Amino acid sequence: MADKYEFYTAGADTSDSVHAATWRAQSFTPQVSHKITHIKFQAWKEGNPPPVTFTIQEADGDGKPIGDILCSHNQDVSGLSTSSPGAWFQVNFDTNPVLQASQQYVCLMSCPAGSGSNRIHPRYDYSGASYPRGARLISTNSGATWTVDTDSDFVFEEYGTDPYSIPTVQTDPADTIDHESAKLHGTLIDDGYQACEVHFQYGKTVGYGTDTEWQEGKVSEDTFEQLITGLDADQLYHFRAQAKNSQGTTSGSDAEFTTSILPPAYGATNKAQITHPALKTVRIIQYGQEVAKFDELSNPDQSYIESGLTIHIPTPATVEVTTLADQTWEFNIPEK
């Protein structure tokens, strides 16, 4: 149901005219952002005027219409009274744009096919008009130029609805997946006219069970991501994106990814025993690149890399020990 936002109903002491090149308008400034749905005027008709076009546009700094038409409607006025003061009639706009608080707008009335004997007469207040956020506008050249009459206002009521709605979010494919981590992705499709918070839910079933931290300040078409860690290897995971604003929380569709298997040599020994007395340096080489190095090993007669210092050896890998011949090297690779 629409609410009444801007209006002037204090009085009406005369009638105006809309026909041919004689166009009229009323400016107004919303105090609250909202979607405009319809507007009402008080008027009567003379003869048989054709439909009257009503449009909403932004106003410039002088309160005159400028820029694109935000919404419009060609209103059948055949049912209007033929005598003053006439009656209220309602114009339902074809689309419902959001009007922003503190931005002035203009509702323009035109009837190019009308004539002096086939026209409408909208009522307005000329003596003591007091609508504080707009004024009546006059054009006698089909809107080419306008005069703002700050001493008068049309008798009008402007209606709309709350602009905010629940957001829409999309779950995008995960990537950068290995045996213990993955990067989740999402897109905020529609923010519902409010900045949103977003995050992910994930787990081994569609019940999820784990939520990432909320990320703030996301708006329509923003993408977002989150790296998650501590996953189990060779495991199917479910995840989905979520977004929330003041109207509620919504979820994207469920998506899946599977972590990779644990490398056979991952989590290598927690103790490496070296018994050669001249041993000083141990290097771990993978694909010709040094991935770990241990220098100045203590106790050359029997040196240890003690428990708690874990050496990770991805497969395939080779071990190169820079020492004299006849040394001994042990790795205890645990079962996965």
C-alpha atoms as a PDB file:
ATOM      1  CA  MET A   1       0.000   0.000   0.000  1.00  0.00           C
ATOM      2  CA  ALA A   2       1.344   3.410  -0.962  1.00  0.00           C
ATOM      3  CA  ASP A   3       1.955   6.194   1.552  1.00  0.00           C
ATOM      4  CA  LYS A   4       1.423   9.916   1.024  1.00  0.00           C
ATOM      5  CA  TYR A   5       4.739  11.788   1.031  1.00  0.00           C
ATOM      6  CA  GLU A   6       4.573  15.321  -0.430  1.00  0.00           C
ATOM      7  CA  PHE A   7       1.294  17.222  -0.658  1.00  0.00           C
ATOM      8  CA  TYR A   8      -0.525  20.561  -0.568  1.00  0.00           C
ATOM      9  CA  THR A   9      -4.169  20.523   0.458  1.00  0.00           C
ATOM     10  CA  ALA A  10      -4.560  23.763   2.421  1.00  0.00           C
ATOM     11  CA  GLY A  11      -6.796  25.437  -0.133  1.00  0.00           C
ATOM     12  CA  ALA A  12      -7.560  26.233  -3.764  1.00  0.00           C
ATOM     13  CA  ASP A  13      -8.917  29.548  -4.917  1.00  0.00           C
ATOM     14  CA  THR A  14      -8.503  29.475  -8.701  1.00  0.00           C
ATOM     15  CA  SER A  15      -7.975  27.236 -11.750  1.00  0.00           C
ATOM     16  CA  ASP A  16      -5.191  27.053 -14.312  1.00  0.00           C
ATOM     17  CA  SER A  17      -5.265  25.683 -17.884  1.00  0.00           C
ATOM     18  CA  VAL A  18      -3.337  22.918 -19.683  1.00  0.00           C
ATOM     19  CA  HIS A  19      -3.626  22.626 -23.474  1.00  0.00           C
ATOM     20  CA  ALA A  20      -1.582  22.990 -26.683  1.00  0.00           C
ATOM     21  CA  ALA A  21       1.593  24.994 -25.892  1.00  0.00           C
ATOM     22  CA  THR A  22       0.328  25.917 -22.427  1.00  0.00           C
ATOM     23  CA  TRP A  23       2.088  23.507 -20.067  1.00  0.00           C
ATOM     24  CA  ARG A  24       2.118  23.546 -16.295  1.00  0.00           C
ATOM     25  CA  ALA A  25       4.145  21.832 -13.544  1.00  0.00           C
ATOM     26  CA  GLN A  26       4.499  21.535  -9.789  1.00  0.00           C
ATOM     27  CA  SER A  27       7.864  21.122  -8.111  1.00  0.00           C
ATOM     28  CA  PHE A  28       8.271  19.207  -4.858  1.00  0.00           C
ATOM     29  CA  THR A  29      11.140  18.008  -2.668  1.00  0.00           C
ATOM     30  CA  PRO A  30      10.836  14.665  -0.853  1.00  0.00           C
ATOM     31  CA  GLN A  31      11.943  14.649   2.763  1.00  0.00           C
ATOM     32  CA  VAL A  32      12.258  10.839   2.672  1.00  0.00           C
ATOM     33  CA  SER A  33      13.597   8.705  -0.172  1.00  0.00           C
ATOM     34  CA  HIS A  34      10.874   6.520  -1.683  1.00  0.00           C
ATOM     35  CA  LYS A  35       9.589   4.904  -4.867  1.00  0.00           C
ATOM     36  CA  ILE A  36       6.960   7.123  -6.448  1.00  0.00           C
ATOM     37  CA  THR A  37       3.811   5.230  -7.430  1.00  0.00           C
ATOM     38  CA  HIS A  38       1.187   7.890  -8.256  1.00  0.00           C
ATOM     39  CA  ILE A  39       0.201  11.514  -7.906  1.00  0.00           C
ATOM     40  CA  LYS A  40      -3.170  13.222  -7.466  1.00  0.00           C
ATOM     41  CA  PHE A  41      -4.420  16.605  -8.647  1.00  0.00           C
ATOM     42  CA  GLN A  42      -7.698  18.434  -8.272  1.00  0.00           C
ATOM     43  CA  ALA A  43      -9.101  19.534 -11.655  1.00  0.00           C
ATOM     44  CA  TRP A  44     -12.073  19.897 -13.976  1.00  0.00           C
ATOM     45  CA  LYS A  45     -12.346  19.782 -17.749  1.00  0.00           C
ATOM     46  CA  GLU A  46     -13.639  21.955 -20.547  1.00  0.00           C
ATOM     47  CA  GLY A  47     -14.965  20.257 -23.693  1.00  0.00           C
ATOM     48  CA  ASN A  48     -13.423  16.870 -24.521  1.00  0.00           C
ATOM     49  CA  PRO A  49      -9.660  17.104 -23.982  1.00  0.00           C
ATOM     50  CA  PRO A  50      -7.446  14.239 -25.175  1.00  0.00           C
ATOM     51  CA  PRO A  51      -5.253  12.370 -22.662  1.00  0.00           C
ATOM     52  CA  VAL A  52      -2.903  14.544 -20.622  1.00  0.00           C
ATOM     53  CA  THR A  53       0.737  13.515 -20.213  1.00  0.00           C
ATOM     54  CA  PHE A  54       2.222  13.606 -16.726  1.00  0.00           C
ATOM     55  CA  THR A  55       6.005  13.218 -16.295  1.00  0.00           C
ATOM     56  CA  ILE A  56       8.432  13.316 -13.379  1.00  0.00           C
ATOM     57  CA  GLN A  57      11.854  14.920 -13.907  1.00  0.00           C
ATOM     58  CA  GLU A  58      14.574  16.274 -11.664  1.00  0.00           C
ATOM     59  CA  ALA A  59      14.643  20.028 -11.091  1.00  0.00           C
ATOM     60  CA  ASP A  60      17.650  22.272 -11.592  1.00  0.00           C
ATOM     61  CA  GLY A  61      18.875  24.828  -9.077  1.00  0.00           C
ATOM     62  CA  ASP A  62      16.080  27.211 -10.096  1.00  0.00           C
ATOM     63  CA  GLY A  63      13.384  24.568  -9.599  1.00  0.00           C
ATOM     64  CA  LYS A  64      12.807  24.028 -13.352  1.00  0.00           C
ATOM     65  CA  PRO A  65      12.603  20.611 -15.075  1.00  0.00           C
ATOM     66  CA  ILE A  66      15.898  19.263 -16.381  1.00  0.00           C
ATOM     67  CA  GLY A  67      17.325  15.962 -17.554  1.00  0.00           C
ATOM     68  CA  ASP A  68      15.702  12.672 -18.456  1.00  0.00           C
ATOM     69  CA  ILE A  69      12.100  11.751 -17.778  1.00  0.00           C
ATOM     70  CA  LEU A  70      12.098   9.433 -14.753  1.00  0.00           C
ATOM     71  CA  CYS A  71       8.541   8.177 -15.248  1.00  0.00           C
ATOM     72  CA  SER A  72       5.379   9.199 -17.087  1.00  0.00           C
ATOM     73  CA  HIS A  73       1.770   8.330 -17.851  1.00  0.00           C
ATOM     74  CA  ASN A  74      -0.797   9.425 -20.457  1.00  0.00           C
ATOM     75  CA  GLN A  75      -3.867  10.029 -18.345  1.00  0.00           C
ATOM     76  CA  ASP A  76      -7.430   9.658 -19.665  1.00  0.00           C
ATOM     77  CA  VAL A  77      -9.333  12.724 -18.368  1.00  0.00           C
ATOM     78  CA  SER A  78     -12.686  12.003 -19.978  1.00  0.00           C
ATOM     79  CA  GLY A  79     -14.251  11.285 -16.592  1.00  0.00           C
ATOM     80  CA  LEU A  80     -13.452  14.664 -15.074  1.00  0.00           C
ATOM     81  CA  SER A  81     -16.216  16.982 -13.942  1.00  0.00           C
ATOM     82  CA  THR A  82     -17.137  19.775 -16.345  1.00  0.00           C
ATOM     83  CA  SER A  83     -17.489  22.404 -13.639  1.00  0.00           C
ATOM     84  CA  SER A  84     -15.266  23.988 -11.038  1.00  0.00           C
ATOM     85  CA  PRO A  85     -13.916  23.051  -8.564  1.00  0.00           C
ATOM     86  CA  GLY A  86     -13.925  19.570 -10.076  1.00  0.00           C
ATOM     87  CA  ALA A  87     -12.540  16.619  -8.097  1.00  0.00           C
ATOM     88  CA  TRP A  88      -9.397  14.709  -7.256  1.00  0.00           C
ATOM     89  CA  PHE A  89      -8.040  12.373  -9.936  1.00  0.00           C
ATOM     90  CA  GLN A  90      -5.148   9.934  -9.732  1.00  0.00           C
ATOM     91  CA  VAL A  91      -2.248   9.403 -12.148  1.00  0.00           C
ATOM     92  CA  ASN A  92      -0.559   5.991 -11.823  1.00  0.00           C
ATOM     93  CA  PHE A  93       2.950   6.096 -13.252  1.00  0.00           C
ATOM     94  CA  ASP A  94       4.101   3.387 -15.660  1.00  0.00           C
ATOM     95  CA  THR A  95       7.367   2.819 -13.742  1.00  0.00           C
ATOM     96  CA  ASN A  96       8.338   3.547 -10.146  1.00  0.00           C
ATOM     97  CA  PRO A  97      11.771   5.158  -9.796  1.00  0.00           C
ATOM     98  CA  VAL A  98      13.260   6.025  -6.419  1.00  0.00           C
ATOM     99  CA  LEU A  99      13.056   9.715  -5.567  1.00  0.00           C
ATOM    100  CA  GLN A 100      15.919  10.790  -3.317  1.00  0.00           C
ATOM    101  CA  ALA A 101      15.419  12.829  -0.170  1.00  0.00           C
ATOM    102  CA  SER A 102      16.352  16.537  -0.527  1.00  0.00           C
ATOM    103  CA  GLN A 103      16.437  16.371  -4.365  1.00  0.00           C
ATOM    104  CA  GLN A 104      13.790  18.589  -5.949  1.00  0.00           C
ATOM    105  CA  TYR A 105      11.576  17.109  -8.681  1.00  0.00           C
ATOM    106  CA  VAL A 106       8.964  18.445 -11.077  1.00  0.00           C
ATOM    107  CA  CYS A 107       5.648  16.885 -12.091  1.00  0.00           C
ATOM    108  CA  LEU A 108       4.948  18.283 -15.561  1.00  0.00           C
ATOM    109  CA  MET A 109       1.471  18.385 -17.199  1.00  0.00           C
ATOM    110  CA  SER A 110       1.054  18.723 -20.973  1.00  0.00           C
ATOM    111  CA  CYS A 111      -1.717  18.244 -23.520  1.00  0.00           C
ATOM    112  CA  PRO A 112      -0.280  19.199 -26.954  1.00  0.00           C
ATOM    113  CA  ALA A 113      -3.364  17.978 -28.836  1.00  0.00           C
ATOM    114  CA  GLY A 114      -5.717  19.998 -26.649  1.00  0.00           C
ATOM    115  CA  SER A 115      -7.185  23.401 -27.456  1.00  0.00           C
ATOM    116  CA  GLY A 116      -8.769  26.405 -25.801  1.00  0.00           C
ATOM    117  CA  SER A 117     -12.112  24.627 -25.913  1.00  0.00           C
ATOM    118  CA  ASN A 118     -10.782  21.155 -25.043  1.00  0.00           C
ATOM    119  CA  ARG A 119      -8.542  21.379 -21.993  1.00  0.00           C
ATOM    120  CA  ILE A 120      -8.199  20.609 -18.292  1.00  0.00           C
ATOM    121  CA  HIS A 121      -8.176  23.119 -15.462  1.00  0.00           C
ATOM    122  CA  PRO A 122      -6.014  21.996 -12.497  1.00  0.00           C
ATOM    123  CA  ARG A 123      -6.807  23.849  -9.304  1.00  0.00           C
ATOM    124  CA  TYR A 124      -4.173  25.859  -7.466  1.00  0.00           C
ATOM    125  CA  ASP A 125      -3.797  28.141  -4.468  1.00  0.00           C
ATOM    126  CA  TYR A 126      -2.804  31.668  -5.421  1.00  0.00           C
ATOM    127  CA  SER A 127      -3.411  33.542  -2.184  1.00  0.00           C
ATOM    128  CA  GLY A 128      -1.320  32.412   0.742  1.00  0.00           C
ATOM    129  CA  ALA A 129       0.199  29.316  -0.828  1.00  0.00           C
ATOM    130  CA  SER A 130       2.453  27.704   1.766  1.00  0.00           C
ATOM    131  CA  TYR A 131       3.923  24.453   0.432  1.00  0.00           C
ATOM    132  CA  PRO A 132       7.546  24.988   1.556  1.00  0.00           C
ATOM    133  CA  ARG A 133       9.476  22.702  -0.816  1.00  0.00           C
ATOM    134  CA  GLY A 134       8.225  23.603  -4.294  1.00  0.00           C
ATOM    135  CA  ALA A 135       6.119  25.909  -6.436  1.00  0.00           C
ATOM    136  CA  ARG A 136       3.826  26.170  -9.477  1.00  0.00           C
ATOM    137  CA  LEU A 137       5.633  26.428 -12.854  1.00  0.00           C
ATOM    138  CA  ILE A 138       4.305  28.066 -16.034  1.00  0.00           C
ATOM    139  CA  SER A 139       5.294  27.546 -19.691  1.00  0.00           C
ATOM    140  CA  THR A 140       3.564  29.043 -22.735  1.00  0.00           C
ATOM    141  CA  ASN A 141       5.919  27.556 -25.347  1.00  0.00           C
ATOM    142  CA  SER A 142       5.599  23.781 -24.854  1.00  0.00           C
ATOM    143  CA  GLY A 143       8.204  23.616 -22.122  1.00  0.00           C
ATOM    144  CA  ALA A 144      10.969  25.497 -23.954  1.00  0.00           C
ATOM    145  CA  THR A 145      11.160  27.981 -21.072  1.00  0.00           C
ATOM    146  CA  TRP A 146       9.618  28.029 -17.633  1.00  0.00           C
ATOM    147  CA  THR A 147       8.631  30.638 -15.065  1.00  0.00           C
ATOM    148  CA  VAL A 148       8.577  29.646 -11.393  1.00  0.00           C
ATOM    149  CA  ASP A 149       5.721  31.249  -9.464  1.00  0.00           C
ATOM    150  CA  THR A 150       6.881  30.959  -5.864  1.00  0.00           C
ATOM    151  CA  ASP A 151       3.628  32.486  -4.617  1.00  0.00           C
ATOM    152  CA  SER A 152       1.376  29.647  -5.796  1.00  0.00           C
ATOM    153  CA  ASP A 153       1.073  25.859  -5.648  1.00  0.00           C
ATOM    154  CA  PHE A 154      -1.131  23.315  -7.355  1.00  0.00           C
ATOM    155  CA  VAL A 155      -3.309  21.266  -5.051  1.00  0.00           C
ATOM    156  CA  PHE A 156      -1.531  17.901  -5.272  1.00  0.00           C
ATOM    157  CA  GLU A 157      -0.693  14.757  -3.330  1.00  0.00           C
ATOM    158  CA  GLU A 158       2.311  12.551  -4.147  1.00  0.00           C
ATOM    159  CA  TYR A 159       2.388   8.873  -3.119  1.00  0.00           C
ATOM    160  CA  GLY A 160       4.983   6.124  -2.971  1.00  0.00           C
ATOM    161  CA  THR A 161       6.404   3.112  -1.164  1.00  0.00           C
ATOM    162  CA  ASP A 162       9.494   2.245   0.856  1.00  0.00           C
ATOM    163  CA  PRO A 163      12.366   1.983  -1.646  1.00  0.00           C
ATOM    164  CA  TYR A 164      14.281  -0.645   0.266  1.00  0.00           C
ATOM    165  CA  SER A 165      14.039  -4.328  -0.526  1.00  0.00           C
ATOM    166  CA  ILE A 166      15.830  -7.516   0.438  1.00  0.00           C
ATOM    167  CA  PRO A 167      19.096  -7.889  -1.510  1.00  0.00           C
ATOM    168  CA  THR A 168      19.882 -10.439  -4.219  1.00  0.00           C
ATOM    169  CA  VAL A 169      23.188 -12.306  -4.105  1.00  0.00           C
ATOM    170  CA  GLN A 170      24.878 -14.842  -6.391  1.00  0.00           C
ATOM    171  CA  THR A 171      27.258 -17.653  -5.432  1.00  0.00           C
ATOM    172  CA  ASP A 172      30.184 -17.802  -7.887  1.00  0.00           C
ATOM    173  CA  PRO A 173      32.594 -20.728  -8.441  1.00  0.00           C
ATOM    174  CA  ALA A 174      35.393 -21.338  -5.957  1.00  0.00           C
ATOM    175  CA  ASP A 175      38.998 -21.348  -7.112  1.00  0.00           C
ATOM    176  CA  THR A 176      42.579 -21.594  -5.774  1.00  0.00           C
ATOM    177  CA  ILE A 177      41.636 -24.985  -4.322  1.00  0.00           C
ATOM    178  CA  ASP A 178      44.249 -27.271  -2.741  1.00  0.00           C
ATOM    179  CA  HIS A 179      44.202 -29.980  -0.065  1.00  0.00           C
ATOM    180  CA  GLU A 180      43.473 -27.588   2.831  1.00  0.00           C
ATOM    181  CA  SER A 181      42.152 -24.275   1.469  1.00  0.00           C
ATOM    182  CA  ALA A 182      39.974 -22.629  -1.187  1.00  0.00           C
ATOM    183  CA  LYS A 183      38.906 -19.140  -2.225  1.00  0.00           C
ATOM    184  CA  LEU A 184      35.133 -18.522  -2.301  1.00  0.00           C
ATOM    185  CA  HIS A 185      33.528 -15.912  -4.591  1.00  0.00           C
ATOM    186  CA  GLY A 186      30.183 -14.105  -4.774  1.00  0.00           C
ATOM    187  CA  THR A 187      28.426 -11.183  -6.501  1.00  0.00           C
ATOM    188  CA  LEU A 188      25.923  -8.782  -4.932  1.00  0.00           C
ATOM    189  CA  ILE A 189      23.384  -8.540  -7.762  1.00  0.00           C
ATOM    190  CA  ASP A 190      21.004  -6.004  -6.160  1.00  0.00           C
ATOM    191  CA  ASP A 191      21.611  -4.182  -2.878  1.00  0.00           C
ATOM    192  CA  GLY A 192      17.938  -3.221  -2.378  1.00  0.00           C
ATOM    193  CA  TYR A 193      18.917   0.484  -2.328  1.00  0.00           C
ATOM    194  CA  GLN A 194      21.093   0.018   0.774  1.00  0.00           C
ATOM    195  CA  ALA A 195      24.739  -0.815   1.343  1.00  0.00           C
ATOM    196  CA  CYS A 196      24.876  -4.474   2.358  1.00  0.00           C
ATOM    197  CA  GLU A 197      26.970  -6.882   4.398  1.00  0.00           C
ATOM    198  CA  VAL A 198      28.067 -10.115   2.709  1.00  0.00           C
ATOM    199  CA  HIS A 199      29.720 -13.372   3.739  1.00  0.00           C
ATOM    200  CA  PHE A 200      29.836 -17.120   3.024  1.00  0.00           C
ATOM    201  CA  GLN A 201      28.581 -20.266   4.686  1.00  0.00           C
ATOM    202  CA  TYR A 202      30.410 -23.552   4.089  1.00  0.00           C
ATOM    203  CA  GLY A 203      30.666 -27.105   5.319  1.00  0.00           C
ATOM    204  CA  LYS A 204      30.596 -30.768   4.308  1.00  0.00           C
ATOM    205  CA  THR A 205      26.780 -30.800   3.868  1.00  0.00           C
ATOM    206  CA  VAL A 206      24.072 -28.342   2.782  1.00  0.00           C
ATOM    207  CA  GLY A 207      23.674 -27.612   6.469  1.00  0.00           C
ATOM    208  CA  TYR A 208      27.035 -25.776   6.162  1.00  0.00           C
ATOM    209  CA  GLY A 209      27.981 -25.132   9.774  1.00  0.00           C
ATOM    210  CA  THR A 210      30.700 -22.509   9.367  1.00  0.00           C
ATOM    211  CA  ASP A 211      30.199 -18.811   8.607  1.00  0.00           C
ATOM    212  CA  THR A 212      32.915 -16.415   7.472  1.00  0.00           C
ATOM    213  CA  GLU A 213      33.094 -12.883   8.882  1.00  0.00           C
ATOM    214  CA  TRP A 214      30.671 -10.328   7.429  1.00  0.00           C
ATOM    215  CA  GLN A 215      32.144  -7.826   4.949  1.00  0.00           C
ATOM    216  CA  GLU A 216      30.515  -4.362   5.024  1.00  0.00           C
ATOM    217  CA  GLY A 217      29.749  -1.637   2.495  1.00  0.00           C
ATOM    218  CA  LYS A 218      28.877  -3.707  -0.585  1.00  0.00           C
ATOM    219  CA  VAL A 219      26.569  -2.284  -3.268  1.00  0.00           C
ATOM    220  CA  SER A 220      24.923  -3.634  -6.417  1.00  0.00           C
ATOM    221  CA  GLU A 221      27.295  -5.481  -8.792  1.00  0.00           C
ATOM    222  CA  ASP A 222      30.147  -5.602  -6.256  1.00  0.00           C
ATOM    223  CA  THR A 223      32.066  -8.885  -6.201  1.00  0.00           C
ATOM    224  CA  PHE A 224      33.572 -10.304  -3.019  1.00  0.00           C
ATOM    225  CA  GLU A 225      35.761 -13.233  -1.979  1.00  0.00           C
ATOM    226  CA  GLN A 226      37.054 -15.059   1.063  1.00  0.00           C
ATOM    227  CA  LEU A 227      39.963 -17.473   1.504  1.00  0.00           C
ATOM    228  CA  ILE A 228      39.046 -20.341   3.825  1.00  0.00           C
ATOM    229  CA  THR A 229      41.659 -22.653   5.363  1.00  0.00           C
ATOM    230  CA  GLY A 230      41.922 -25.667   7.645  1.00  0.00           C
ATOM    231  CA  LEU A 231      39.940 -27.917   5.294  1.00  0.00           C
ATOM    232  CA  ASP A 232      40.238 -31.689   5.052  1.00  0.00           C
ATOM    233  CA  ALA A 233      41.966 -33.178   2.020  1.00  0.00           C
ATOM    234  CA  ASP A 234      40.021 -35.057  -0.675  1.00  0.00           C
ATOM    235  CA  GLN A 235      36.702 -33.768   0.711  1.00  0.00           C
ATOM    236  CA  LEU A 236      33.541 -32.427  -0.961  1.00  0.00           C
ATOM    237  CA  TYR A 237      32.463 -29.061   0.477  1.00  0.00           C
ATOM    238  CA  HIS A 238      29.247 -27.079   0.007  1.00  0.00           C
ATOM    239  CA  PHE A 239      29.134 -23.287   0.194  1.00  0.00           C
ATOM    240  CA  ARG A 240      26.886 -20.323  -0.575  1.00  0.00           C
ATOM    241  CA  ALA A 241      27.076 -16.534  -0.504  1.00  0.00           C
ATOM    242  CA  GLN A 242      24.769 -14.474   1.706  1.00  0.00           C
ATOM    243  CA  ALA A 243      23.862 -10.764   1.841  1.00  0.00           C
ATOM    244  CA  LYS A 244      21.861  -8.706   4.324  1.00  0.00           C
ATOM    245  CA  ASN A 245      20.456  -5.202   4.763  1.00  0.00           C
ATOM    246  CA  SER A 246      17.743  -3.707   6.969  1.00  0.00           C
ATOM    247  CA  GLN A 247      15.090  -5.707   5.111  1.00  0.00           C
ATOM    248  CA  GLY A 248      16.606  -9.117   5.811  1.00  0.00           C
ATOM    249  CA  THR A 249      19.143 -11.740   4.777  1.00  0.00           C
ATOM    250  CA  THR A 250      19.153 -13.633   1.504  1.00  0.00           C
ATOM    251  CA  SER A 251      21.233 -16.545   0.190  1.00  0.00           C
ATOM    252  CA  GLY A 252      22.728 -17.456  -3.151  1.00  0.00           C
ATOM    253  CA  SER A 253      22.418 -20.960  -4.549  1.00  0.00           C
ATOM    254  CA  ASP A 254      24.436 -23.872  -3.182  1.00  0.00           C
ATOM    255  CA  ALA A 255      27.780 -24.582  -4.875  1.00  0.00           C
ATOM    256  CA  GLU A 256      30.419 -27.279  -4.391  1.00  0.00           C
ATOM    257  CA  PHE A 257      34.149 -27.878  -4.604  1.00  0.00           C
ATOM    258  CA  THR A 258      36.408 -30.792  -3.680  1.00  0.00           C
ATOM    259  CA  THR A 259      39.789 -30.344  -2.035  1.00  0.00           C
ATOM    260  CA  SER A 260      42.767 -32.129  -3.569  1.00  0.00           C
ATOM    261  CA  ILE A 261      44.272 -35.277  -2.096  1.00  0.00           C
ATOM    262  CA  LEU A 262      47.065 -35.011   0.446  1.00  0.00           C
ATOM    263  CA  PRO A 263      50.483 -35.276  -1.255  1.00  0.00           C
ATOM    264  CA  PRO A 264      52.087 -38.650  -0.360  1.00  0.00           C
ATOM    265  CA  ALA A 265      55.120 -37.003   1.229  1.00  0.00           C
ATOM    266  CA  TYR A 266      53.242 -34.144   2.900  1.00  0.00           C
ATOM    267  CA  GLY A 267      53.947 -33.707   6.575  1.00  0.00           C
ATOM    268  CA  ALA A 268      57.353 -35.317   6.452  1.00  0.00           C
ATOM    269  CA  THR A 269      59.301 -36.440   9.449  1.00  0.00           C
ATOM    270  CA  ASN A 270      59.239 -34.563  12.711  1.00  0.00           C
ATOM    271  CA  LYS A 271      62.792 -35.774  13.314  1.00  0.00           C
ATOM    272  CA  ALA A 272      65.651 -36.084  10.845  1.00  0.00           C
ATOM    273  CA  GLN A 273      68.779 -37.805  12.157  1.00  0.00           C
ATOM    274  CA  ILE A 274      72.178 -36.904  10.680  1.00  0.00           C
ATOM    275  CA  THR A 275      75.216 -38.854  11.965  1.00  0.00           C
ATOM    276  CA  HIS A 276      78.152 -37.608   9.885  1.00  0.00           C
ATOM    277  CA  PRO A 277      80.497 -35.466  11.967  1.00  0.00           C
ATOM    278  CA  ALA A 278      81.229 -32.948   9.176  1.00  0.00           C
ATOM    279  CA  LEU A 279      77.582 -32.254   8.283  1.00  0.00           C
ATOM    280  CA  LYS A 280      76.788 -28.533   8.480  1.00  0.00           C
ATOM    281  CA  THR A 281      73.910 -27.805   6.016  1.00  0.00           C
ATOM    282  CA  VAL A 282      70.768 -29.623   4.849  1.00  0.00           C
ATOM    283  CA  ARG A 283      68.769 -28.360   1.868  1.00  0.00           C
ATOM    284  CA  ILE A 284      65.366 -29.537   0.579  1.00  0.00           C
ATOM    285  CA  ILE A 285      65.070 -29.212  -3.208  1.00  0.00           C
ATOM    286  CA  GLN A 286      61.862 -29.347  -5.273  1.00  0.00           C
ATOM    287  CA  TYR A 287      61.889 -29.007  -9.051  1.00  0.00           C
ATOM    288  CA  GLY A 288      65.399 -27.632  -8.817  1.00  0.00           C
ATOM    289  CA  GLN A 289      64.350 -24.903  -6.335  1.00  0.00           C
ATOM    290  CA  GLU A 290      65.385 -24.684  -2.697  1.00  0.00           C
ATOM    291  CA  VAL A 291      62.268 -24.889  -0.497  1.00  0.00           C
ATOM    292  CA  ALA A 292      63.982 -25.319   2.909  1.00  0.00           C
ATOM    293  CA  LYS A 293      67.478 -24.963   4.325  1.00  0.00           C
ATOM    294  CA  PHE A 294      69.000 -25.771   7.698  1.00  0.00           C
ATOM    295  CA  ASP A 295      72.419 -24.288   8.529  1.00  0.00           C
ATOM    296  CA  GLU A 296      74.899 -24.680  11.406  1.00  0.00           C
ATOM    297  CA  LEU A 297      73.509 -27.918  12.772  1.00  0.00           C
ATOM    298  CA  SER A 298      74.524 -28.398  16.397  1.00  0.00           C
ATOM    299  CA  ASN A 299      76.424 -31.356  17.825  1.00  0.00           C
ATOM    300  CA  PRO A 300      78.263 -32.531  14.669  1.00  0.00           C
ATOM    301  CA  ASP A 301      78.730 -36.031  16.048  1.00  0.00           C
ATOM    302  CA  GLN A 302      74.966 -36.624  16.093  1.00  0.00           C
ATOM    303  CA  SER A 303      72.843 -33.645  14.998  1.00  0.00           C
ATOM    304  CA  TYR A 304      69.044 -33.583  15.196  1.00  0.00           C
ATOM    305  CA  ILE A 305      66.256 -31.482  13.755  1.00  0.00           C
ATOM    306  CA  GLU A 306      64.043 -32.035  16.747  1.00  0.00           C
ATOM    307  CA  SER A 307      60.317 -32.754  17.007  1.00  0.00           C
ATOM    308  CA  GLY A 308      58.315 -29.581  16.502  1.00  0.00           C
ATOM    309  CA  LEU A 309      60.316 -28.454  13.493  1.00  0.00           C
ATOM    310  CA  THR A 310      58.254 -29.955  10.659  1.00  0.00           C
ATOM    311  CA  ILE A 311      59.767 -30.325   7.208  1.00  0.00           C
ATOM    312  CA  HIS A 312      57.144 -30.330   4.423  1.00  0.00           C
ATOM    313  CA  ILE A 313      58.353 -32.251   1.358  1.00  0.00           C
ATOM    314  CA  PRO A 314      55.950 -31.981  -1.619  1.00  0.00           C
ATOM    315  CA  THR A 315      56.162 -34.782  -4.148  1.00  0.00           C
ATOM    316  CA  PRO A 316      58.217 -35.248  -6.266  1.00  0.00           C
ATOM    317  CA  ALA A 317      61.267 -34.004  -4.388  1.00  0.00           C
ATOM    318  CA  THR A 318      64.926 -34.854  -3.937  1.00  0.00           C
ATOM    319  CA  VAL A 319      67.097 -34.322  -0.916  1.00  0.00           C
ATOM    320  CA  GLU A 320      70.573 -32.931  -1.342  1.00  0.00           C
ATOM    321  CA  VAL A 321      72.957 -33.070   1.615  1.00  0.00           C
ATOM    322  CA  THR A 322      76.024 -30.852   1.213  1.00  0.00           C
ATOM    323  CA  THR A 323      78.671 -32.764   3.172  1.00  0.00           C
ATOM    324  CA  LEU A 324      81.387 -35.366   2.769  1.00  0.00           C
ATOM    325  CA  ALA A 325      80.646 -38.903   1.679  1.00  0.00           C
ATOM    326  CA  ASP A 326      79.643 -41.697   4.041  1.00  0.00           C
ATOM    327  CA  GLN A 327      76.937 -39.649   5.832  1.00  0.00           C
ATOM    328  CA  THR A 328      73.612 -41.089   6.992  1.00  0.00           C
ATOM    329  CA  TRP A 329      70.191 -39.437   6.397  1.00  0.00           C
ATOM    330  CA  GLU A 330      66.832 -40.744   7.683  1.00  0.00           C
ATOM    331  CA  PHE A 331      63.262 -39.570   6.919  1.00  0.00           C
ATOM    332  CA  ASN A 332      60.244 -41.148   8.564  1.00  0.00           C
ATOM    333  CA  ILE A 333      57.297 -40.346   6.261  1.00  0.00           C
ATOM    334  CA  PRO A 334      54.025 -41.023   8.119  1.00  0.00           C
ATOM    335  CA  GLU A 335      51.084 -42.668   6.422  1.00  0.00           C
ATOM    336  CA  LYS A 336      48.351 -40.264   5.276  1.00  0.00           C
END
